[in-house]
Amino acid sequence: MIAQLFRSLFHRDKVLLPKPDPIARAQSEIAELRSMVYDLLVEVEAIRETLLKSPFGSDGPHSPYAIAYRDTAFRTHDASGCTGDKLLAQFYPSSPKRDDWRECLFMHRLGFSTDAIARYMREAEAAETYT
């Protein structure tokens, strides 16, 4: 009898344990994403300020940072090049392969060798088992 009462208390169809509200869950997830985007924007601005104060950004429009920024921004308008969707795909491929980890895509752009990236992936996979 006690077991039956216990089961009835935790059954989703009973009044005592309401079904999850999908709208409330979506609102909660949106709030979390909003916070993440805000944090990322703060981080981007901090990195920009650092670059602008460094030798890489202190030469006005001729600085490496200014040139890279202009080129990237331009590509988002170039229909044959890196549109906004294509820019996002650099970080979030639509059909990721096993070696398309976001950080590995950027490591490749930074000049890491294929062997160095593979080594990193093995080390990272091993780290996932740490307790």
C-alpha atoms as a PDB file:
ATOM      1  CA  MET A   1       0.000   0.000   0.000  1.00  0.00           C
ATOM      2  CA  ILE A   2       2.796   2.451   0.859  1.00  0.00           C
ATOM      3  CA  ALA A   3       4.594   1.571  -2.380  1.00  0.00           C
ATOM      4  CA  GLN A   4       1.438   2.270  -4.369  1.00  0.00           C
ATOM      5  CA  LEU A   5       0.970   5.636  -2.631  1.00  0.00           C
ATOM      6  CA  PHE A   6       4.631   6.530  -3.297  1.00  0.00           C
ATOM      7  CA  ARG A   7       4.268   5.655  -7.004  1.00  0.00           C
ATOM      8  CA  SER A   8       1.105   7.739  -7.272  1.00  0.00           C
ATOM      9  CA  LEU A   9       2.826  10.769  -5.743  1.00  0.00           C
ATOM     10  CA  PHE A  10       5.509  10.748  -8.441  1.00  0.00           C
ATOM     11  CA  HIS A  11       3.383   9.919 -11.454  1.00  0.00           C
ATOM     12  CA  ARG A  12       3.269  12.826 -13.963  1.00  0.00           C
ATOM     13  CA  ASP A  13      -0.474  12.489 -14.463  1.00  0.00           C
ATOM     14  CA  LYS A  14      -1.179  13.283 -10.830  1.00  0.00           C
ATOM     15  CA  VAL A  15      -1.814  16.782  -9.537  1.00  0.00           C
ATOM     16  CA  LEU A  16       1.056  16.564  -7.036  1.00  0.00           C
ATOM     17  CA  LEU A  17       3.748  16.545  -9.747  1.00  0.00           C
ATOM     18  CA  PRO A  18       2.775  18.964 -12.532  1.00  0.00           C
ATOM     19  CA  LYS A  19       3.909  18.480 -16.098  1.00  0.00           C
ATOM     20  CA  PRO A  20       6.785  20.742 -17.129  1.00  0.00           C
ATOM     21  CA  ASP A  21       5.703  24.001 -18.770  1.00  0.00           C
ATOM     22  CA  PRO A  22       7.422  24.229 -22.199  1.00  0.00           C
ATOM     23  CA  ILE A  23       6.912  28.007 -22.380  1.00  0.00           C
ATOM     24  CA  ALA A  24       8.512  28.585 -18.994  1.00  0.00           C
ATOM     25  CA  ARG A  25      11.404  26.326 -19.973  1.00  0.00           C
ATOM     26  CA  ALA A  26      11.900  28.217 -23.261  1.00  0.00           C
ATOM     27  CA  GLN A  27      11.811  31.555 -21.435  1.00  0.00           C
ATOM     28  CA  SER A  28      14.411  30.289 -18.989  1.00  0.00           C
ATOM     29  CA  GLU A  29      16.666  29.061 -21.809  1.00  0.00           C
ATOM     30  CA  ILE A  30      16.311  32.395 -23.651  1.00  0.00           C
ATOM     31  CA  ALA A  31      17.303  34.252 -20.485  1.00  0.00           C
ATOM     32  CA  GLU A  32      20.385  32.038 -20.160  1.00  0.00           C
ATOM     33  CA  LEU A  33      21.310  32.620 -23.811  1.00  0.00           C
ATOM     34  CA  ARG A  34      20.838  36.359 -23.392  1.00  0.00           C
ATOM     35  CA  SER A  35      23.259  36.317 -20.457  1.00  0.00           C
ATOM     36  CA  MET A  36      25.778  34.280 -22.458  1.00  0.00           C
ATOM     37  CA  VAL A  37      25.591  36.674 -25.423  1.00  0.00           C
ATOM     38  CA  TYR A  38      26.041  39.652 -23.116  1.00  0.00           C
ATOM     39  CA  ASP A  39      29.093  38.020 -21.501  1.00  0.00           C
ATOM     40  CA  LEU A  40      30.549  37.273 -24.938  1.00  0.00           C
ATOM     41  CA  LEU A  41      30.037  40.871 -26.054  1.00  0.00           C
ATOM     42  CA  VAL A  42      31.845  42.106 -22.949  1.00  0.00           C
ATOM     43  CA  GLU A  43      34.683  39.698 -23.703  1.00  0.00           C
ATOM     44  CA  VAL A  44      34.876  40.792 -27.356  1.00  0.00           C
ATOM     45  CA  GLU A  45      35.012  44.433 -26.327  1.00  0.00           C
ATOM     46  CA  ALA A  46      37.780  43.703 -23.804  1.00  0.00           C
ATOM     47  CA  ILE A  47      39.797  41.882 -26.478  1.00  0.00           C
ATOM     48  CA  ARG A  48      39.237  44.751 -28.912  1.00  0.00           C
ATOM     49  CA  GLU A  49      40.424  47.306 -26.367  1.00  0.00           C
ATOM     50  CA  THR A  50      43.510  45.193 -25.676  1.00  0.00           C
ATOM     51  CA  LEU A  51      44.285  44.911 -29.371  1.00  0.00           C
ATOM     52  CA  LEU A  52      43.730  48.614 -29.991  1.00  0.00           C
ATOM     53  CA  LYS A  53      46.259  49.439 -27.258  1.00  0.00           C
ATOM     54  CA  SER A  54      48.801  46.924 -28.591  1.00  0.00           C
ATOM     55  CA  PRO A  55      51.188  47.233 -31.557  1.00  0.00           C
ATOM     56  CA  PHE A  56      48.711  45.124 -33.566  1.00  0.00           C
ATOM     57  CA  GLY A  57      45.984  47.740 -33.269  1.00  0.00           C
ATOM     58  CA  SER A  58      47.695  51.047 -32.674  1.00  0.00           C
ATOM     59  CA  ASP A  59      48.377  51.933 -36.314  1.00  0.00           C
ATOM     60  CA  GLY A  60      44.826  53.014 -37.105  1.00  0.00           C
ATOM     61  CA  PRO A  61      43.343  51.597 -40.303  1.00  0.00           C
ATOM     62  CA  HIS A  62      46.712  50.053 -41.260  1.00  0.00           C
ATOM     63  CA  SER A  63      46.966  47.885 -38.146  1.00  0.00           C
ATOM     64  CA  PRO A  64      46.669  44.102 -38.506  1.00  0.00           C
ATOM     65  CA  TYR A  65      43.527  44.160 -36.369  1.00  0.00           C
ATOM     66  CA  ALA A  66      41.849  46.871 -38.441  1.00  0.00           C
ATOM     67  CA  ILE A  67      42.672  45.087 -41.676  1.00  0.00           C
ATOM     68  CA  ALA A  68      41.391  41.734 -40.356  1.00  0.00           C
ATOM     69  CA  TYR A  69      38.230  43.366 -39.007  1.00  0.00           C
ATOM     70  CA  ARG A  70      37.484  45.143 -42.272  1.00  0.00           C
ATOM     71  CA  ASP A  71      38.123  41.999 -44.325  1.00  0.00           C
ATOM     72  CA  THR A  72      35.879  39.862 -42.094  1.00  0.00           C
ATOM     73  CA  ALA A  73      33.091  42.441 -42.041  1.00  0.00           C
ATOM     74  CA  PHE A  74      33.299  42.816 -45.815  1.00  0.00           C
ATOM     75  CA  ARG A  75      33.018  39.072 -46.354  1.00  0.00           C
ATOM     76  CA  THR A  76      29.701  39.050 -44.471  1.00  0.00           C
ATOM     77  CA  HIS A  77      28.285  41.253 -47.279  1.00  0.00           C
ATOM     78  CA  ASP A  78      29.906  39.368 -50.160  1.00  0.00           C
ATOM     79  CA  ALA A  79      27.305  36.934 -51.504  1.00  0.00           C
ATOM     80  CA  SER A  80      30.057  34.844 -53.103  1.00  0.00           C
ATOM     81  CA  GLY A  81      32.113  34.781 -49.937  1.00  0.00           C
ATOM     82  CA  CYS A  82      31.546  34.663 -46.217  1.00  0.00           C
ATOM     83  CA  THR A  83      27.940  35.715 -45.575  1.00  0.00           C
ATOM     84  CA  GLY A  84      26.700  35.842 -41.998  1.00  0.00           C
ATOM     85  CA  ASP A  85      25.622  32.207 -42.227  1.00  0.00           C
ATOM     86  CA  LYS A  86      29.014  31.234 -43.606  1.00  0.00           C
ATOM     87  CA  LEU A  87      30.717  33.183 -40.823  1.00  0.00           C
ATOM     88  CA  LEU A  88      28.712  31.243 -38.244  1.00  0.00           C
ATOM     89  CA  ALA A  89      29.544  28.006 -40.061  1.00  0.00           C
ATOM     90  CA  GLN A  90      33.231  28.652 -39.350  1.00  0.00           C
ATOM     91  CA  PHE A  91      32.416  28.074 -35.684  1.00  0.00           C
ATOM     92  CA  TYR A  92      29.287  25.927 -35.856  1.00  0.00           C
ATOM     93  CA  PRO A  93      29.282  23.655 -38.919  1.00  0.00           C
ATOM     94  CA  SER A  94      25.799  22.471 -39.910  1.00  0.00           C
ATOM     95  CA  SER A  95      26.924  18.857 -40.144  1.00  0.00           C
ATOM     96  CA  PRO A  96      30.006  18.596 -37.966  1.00  0.00           C
ATOM     97  CA  LYS A  97      32.459  15.807 -38.608  1.00  0.00           C
ATOM     98  CA  ARG A  98      34.363  14.219 -35.767  1.00  0.00           C
ATOM     99  CA  ASP A  99      37.331  16.583 -36.312  1.00  0.00           C
ATOM    100  CA  ASP A 100      35.171  19.722 -36.560  1.00  0.00           C
ATOM    101  CA  TRP A 101      35.325  20.688 -32.913  1.00  0.00           C
ATOM    102  CA  ARG A 102      34.889  24.468 -32.743  1.00  0.00           C
ATOM    103  CA  GLU A 103      38.215  24.999 -31.051  1.00  0.00           C
ATOM    104  CA  CYS A 104      39.961  22.783 -33.609  1.00  0.00           C
ATOM    105  CA  LEU A 105      38.564  24.823 -36.491  1.00  0.00           C
ATOM    106  CA  PHE A 106      40.057  27.943 -34.944  1.00  0.00           C
ATOM    107  CA  MET A 107      43.324  26.199 -34.051  1.00  0.00           C
ATOM    108  CA  HIS A 108      43.637  25.323 -37.740  1.00  0.00           C
ATOM    109  CA  ARG A 109      43.124  28.993 -38.638  1.00  0.00           C
ATOM    110  CA  LEU A 110      45.804  29.916 -36.093  1.00  0.00           C
ATOM    111  CA  GLY A 111      48.261  27.673 -37.924  1.00  0.00           C
ATOM    112  CA  PHE A 112      48.325  24.568 -35.737  1.00  0.00           C
ATOM    113  CA  SER A 113      49.398  21.518 -37.711  1.00  0.00           C
ATOM    114  CA  THR A 114      47.046  18.601 -38.324  1.00  0.00           C
ATOM    115  CA  ASP A 115      49.203  16.495 -36.001  1.00  0.00           C
ATOM    116  CA  ALA A 116      49.074  19.111 -33.237  1.00  0.00           C
ATOM    117  CA  ILE A 117      45.296  19.326 -33.520  1.00  0.00           C
ATOM    118  CA  ALA A 118      44.948  15.539 -33.465  1.00  0.00           C
ATOM    119  CA  ARG A 119      47.179  15.415 -30.375  1.00  0.00           C
ATOM    120  CA  TYR A 120      45.037  18.098 -28.724  1.00  0.00           C
ATOM    121  CA  MET A 121      41.877  16.123 -29.496  1.00  0.00           C
ATOM    122  CA  ARG A 122      43.317  12.948 -27.957  1.00  0.00           C
ATOM    123  CA  GLU A 123      44.325  14.881 -24.831  1.00  0.00           C
ATOM    124  CA  ALA A 124      40.912  16.584 -24.623  1.00  0.00           C
ATOM    125  CA  GLU A 125      39.074  13.278 -25.029  1.00  0.00           C
ATOM    126  CA  ALA A 126      41.178  11.817 -22.228  1.00  0.00           C
ATOM    127  CA  ALA A 127      40.374  14.839 -20.054  1.00  0.00           C
ATOM    128  CA  GLU A 128      36.672  14.072 -20.449  1.00  0.00           C
ATOM    129  CA  THR A 129      37.231  10.943 -18.332  1.00  0.00           C
ATOM    130  CA  TYR A 130      38.855  12.794 -15.396  1.00  0.00           C
ATOM    131  CA  THR A 131      37.014  12.639 -12.112  1.00  0.00           C
END
